[in-house]
Each structure stands twice: as structure tokens, then as C-alpha cells.
C-alpha atoms as a PDB file:
ATOM      1  CA  MET A   1     225.887 104.075  88.323  1.00  0.00           C
ATOM      2  CA  ALA A   2     228.979 103.417  86.473  1.00  0.00           C
ATOM      3  CA  LEU A   3     229.954 105.622  83.626  1.00  0.00           C
ATOM      4  CA  SER A   4     231.154 104.171  80.695  1.00  0.00           C
ATOM      5  CA  LYS A   5     234.966 105.121  79.542  1.00  0.00           C
ATOM      6  CA  LYS A   6     233.654 107.154  76.624  1.00  0.00           C
ATOM      7  CA  LYS A   7     231.377 109.350  78.709  1.00  0.00           C
ATOM      8  CA  THR A   8     234.093 109.971  81.209  1.00  0.00           C
ATOM      9  CA  ILE A   9     236.628 111.053  78.527  1.00  0.00           C
ATOM     10  CA  ILE A  10     234.010 113.348  76.902  1.00  0.00           C
ATOM     11  CA  ILE A  11     233.223 114.846  80.457  1.00  0.00           C
ATOM     12  CA  ALA A  12     237.047 115.349  81.097  1.00  0.00           C
ATOM     13  CA  ALA A  13     237.528 116.997  77.682  1.00  0.00           C
ATOM     14  CA  SER A  14     234.552 119.353  78.206  1.00  0.00           C
ATOM     15  CA  ILE A  15     236.022 120.615  81.671  1.00  0.00           C
ATOM     16  CA  VAL A  16     239.482 121.018  80.038  1.00  0.00           C
ATOM     17  CA  VAL A  17     237.744 123.131  77.206  1.00  0.00           C
ATOM     18  CA  LEU A  18     235.669 124.988  79.505  1.00  0.00           C
ATOM     19  CA  GLY A  19     238.819 125.866  81.633  1.00  0.00           C
ATOM     20  CA  VAL A  20     240.751 126.999  78.468  1.00  0.00           C
ATOM     21  CA  VAL A  21     237.672 129.218  77.599  1.00  0.00           C
ATOM     22  CA  VAL A  22     237.344 130.828  80.910  1.00  0.00           C
ATOM     23  CA  TYR A  23     241.196 131.606  81.126  1.00  0.00           C
ATOM     24  CA  PHE A  24     241.102 133.224  77.619  1.00  0.00           C
ATOM     25  CA  LEU A  25     238.075 135.302  78.363  1.00  0.00           C
ATOM     26  CA  TRP A  26     238.435 136.213  81.904  1.00  0.00           C
ATOM     27  CA  LEU A  27     241.621 135.366  83.577  1.00  0.00           C
ATOM     28  CA  ARG A  28     244.370 136.034  80.995  1.00  0.00           C
ATOM     29  CA  PRO A  29     246.075 139.340  81.669  1.00  0.00           C
ATOM     30  CA  ALA A  30     245.498 142.110  79.134  1.00  0.00           C
ATOM     31  CA  PRO A  31     248.224 142.328  76.309  1.00  0.00           C
ATOM     32  CA  VAL A  32     250.311 145.275  76.749  1.00  0.00           C
ATOM     33  CA  ASP A  33     250.965 147.263  73.536  1.00  0.00           C
ATOM     34  CA  ASN A  34     254.403 147.983  72.711  1.00  0.00           C
ATOM     35  CA  VAL A  35     253.773 151.465  70.961  1.00  0.00           C
ATOM     36  CA  SER A  36     256.901 153.455  69.855  1.00  0.00           C
ATOM     37  CA  ILE A  37     256.752 157.244  69.219  1.00  0.00           C
ATOM     38  CA  ASN A  38     257.146 156.511  65.491  1.00  0.00           C
ATOM     39  CA  SER A  39     254.086 154.720  65.237  1.00  0.00           C
ATOM     40  CA  PHE A  40     252.205 157.912  65.517  1.00  0.00           C
ATOM     41  CA  GLY A  41     253.991 160.021  62.657  1.00  0.00           C
ATOM     42  CA  PRO A  42     252.420 160.774  59.272  1.00  0.00           C
ATOM     43  CA  THR A  43     252.017 157.873  57.096  1.00  0.00           C
ATOM     44  CA  GLY A  44     251.760 159.848  53.939  1.00  0.00           C
ATOM     45  CA  GLN A  45     252.654 163.371  52.350  1.00  0.00           C
ATOM     46  CA  ALA A  46     249.206 164.708  52.715  1.00  0.00           C
ATOM     47  CA  GLN A  47     249.035 163.818  56.422  1.00  0.00           C
ATOM     48  CA  ALA A  48     252.673 165.557  56.810  1.00  0.00           C
ATOM     49  CA  THR A  49     251.304 168.768  55.129  1.00  0.00           C
ATOM     50  CA  PHE A  50     248.262 168.839  57.355  1.00  0.00           C
ATOM     51  CA  LEU A  51     250.161 168.243  60.619  1.00  0.00           C
ATOM     52  CA  THR A  52     252.576 171.076  59.765  1.00  0.00           C
ATOM     53  CA  LEU A  53     249.706 173.601  59.055  1.00  0.00           C
ATOM     54  CA  ALA A  54     247.892 172.333  61.864  1.00  0.00           C
ATOM     55  CA  ALA A  55     251.019 173.152  64.116  1.00  0.00           C
ATOM     56  CA  GLN A  56     251.071 176.661  62.493  1.00  0.00           C
ATOM     57  CA  LEU A  57     247.591 177.265  63.701  1.00  0.00           C
ATOM     58  CA  GLN A  58     248.095 176.441  67.267  1.00  0.00           C
ATOM     59  CA  PRO A  59     249.702 179.684  68.352  1.00  0.00           C
ATOM     60  CA  ILE A  60     246.543 181.853  67.076  1.00  0.00           C
ATOM     61  CA  ALA A  61     244.593 183.329  70.061  1.00  0.00           C
ATOM     62  CA  PHE A  62     241.584 185.408  70.080  1.00  0.00           C
ATOM     63  CA  ASN A  63     241.666 188.851  71.800  1.00  0.00           C
ATOM     64  CA  ALA A  64     238.366 188.895  73.787  1.00  0.00           C
ATOM     65  CA  SER A  65     238.832 192.632  74.654  1.00  0.00           C
ATOM     66  CA  VAL A  66     237.371 193.321  71.263  1.00  0.00           C
ATOM     67  CA  LEU A  67     233.864 192.315  72.720  1.00  0.00           C
ATOM     68  CA  GLU A  68     234.116 194.952  75.665  1.00  0.00           C
ATOM     69  CA  ASP A  69     235.155 197.913  73.044  1.00  0.00           C
ATOM     70  CA  PRO A  70     232.659 200.785  73.122  1.00  0.00           C
ATOM     71  CA  ARG A  71     232.374 200.801  69.489  1.00  0.00           C
ATOM     72  CA  PHE A  72     231.379 196.967  69.419  1.00  0.00           C
ATOM     73  CA  LEU A  73     229.001 197.550  72.194  1.00  0.00           C
ATOM     74  CA  SER A  74     227.236 200.429  70.418  1.00  0.00           C
ATOM     75  CA  LEU A  75     226.470 198.288  67.258  1.00  0.00           C
ATOM     76  CA  VAL A  76     222.701 197.882  66.592  1.00  0.00           C
ATOM     77  CA  ASP A  77     220.987 194.732  65.521  1.00  0.00           C
ATOM     78  CA  ILE A  78     219.094 195.557  62.398  1.00  0.00           C
ATOM     79  CA  LYS A  79     215.977 193.288  62.219  1.00  0.00           C
ATOM     80  CA  THR A  80     213.898 193.029  59.008  1.00  0.00           C
ATOM     81  CA  ALA A  81     210.416 191.946  59.544  1.00  0.00           C
ATOM     82  CA  ILE A  82     209.154 189.061  57.574  1.00  0.00           C
ATOM     83  CA  LEU A  83     205.965 189.552  56.158  1.00  0.00           C
ATOM     84  CA  PRO A  84     203.627 186.462  55.647  1.00  0.00           C
ATOM     85  CA  GLU A  85     202.840 185.602  52.070  1.00  0.00           C
ATOM     86  CA  ALA A  86     200.003 183.688  50.677  1.00  0.00           C
ATOM     87  CA  SER A  87     201.021 180.340  49.767  1.00  0.00           C
ATOM     88  CA  GLY A  88     201.109 179.208  45.979  1.00  0.00           C
ATOM     89  CA  ARG A  89     199.455 176.448  44.139  1.00  0.00           C
ATOM     90  CA  THR A  90     199.552 172.988  45.813  1.00  0.00           C
ATOM     91  CA  ASP A  91     201.185 171.432  42.713  1.00  0.00           C
ATOM     92  CA  PRO A  92     203.421 173.940  40.955  1.00  0.00           C
ATOM     93  CA  PHE A  93     204.182 171.615  38.195  1.00  0.00           C
ATOM     94  CA  ALA A  94     200.587 170.800  37.440  1.00  0.00           C
ATOM     95  CA  PRO A  95     198.938 172.293  34.103  1.00  0.00           C
ATOM     96  CA  LEU A  96     197.327 175.628  34.755  1.00  0.00           C
ATOM     97  CA  ALA A  97     193.654 175.568  34.648  1.00  0.00           C
ATOM     98  CA  GLY A  98     192.027 177.180  31.400  1.00  0.00           C
ATOM     99  CA  VAL A  99     195.420 176.949  29.679  1.00  0.00           C
ATOM    100  CA  LYS A 100     195.559 174.462  26.800  1.00  0.00           C
ATOM    101  CA  SER A 101     198.655 172.484  26.382  1.00  0.00           C
ATOM    102  CA  GLU A 102     200.651 172.160  23.286  1.00  0.00           C
ATOM    103  CA  GLN A 103     201.784 168.759  22.316  1.00  0.00           C
END
């Protein structure tokens, strides 16, 4: 079975295109990003202000010994009972029965 010249060229071109696609999708090494430290800096005045304020908050720490203090442990939870109430009308915006509406 002899292939025509046109079919041979199409098959060869398809193999080359397939090889290029395989290279770019699977075999090509991942690009290395050249990231400089300056690229992570604030881009505006608002971001610079936020980063300054956030840096001031980092040293804040919570002293957990407050939770072990006898005065804290002696606190009593005051619970208020919630009494069930009768439900209201099914449609609170409906006209009242027996009341004439003025128009």
C-alpha cells in the first residue's frame, strides 16, 4: 500500500506538532521565577500604613494567667430563662378582621 506524498507530509507534520505539544505540556522544565525582595513591598500608601500598623500589633501577647485567677474562677454565669410566647398572626401585614380600612 503506497502512501501518497500529500498523506506522508500530513502524517510527518502531525507527528512534529504532537511532539511539540508533548514537550510544552509535560517535558519542559518548570520556569524559575526571579523574585526579588522588593517585589513584595507595599504598592500604595494604604498598604504601607496597614503594614506599619500590623507590625506594631505583632508584639502584643495575652497573659493566660488571668484565666487561673481566683476572682475569674469565682464568676457565675447568669442565665435568663427564655419563656415561650404564643406566635402572632400568620401575615402581620394583612388587614385586621372586623376593622374597616380607610381609602
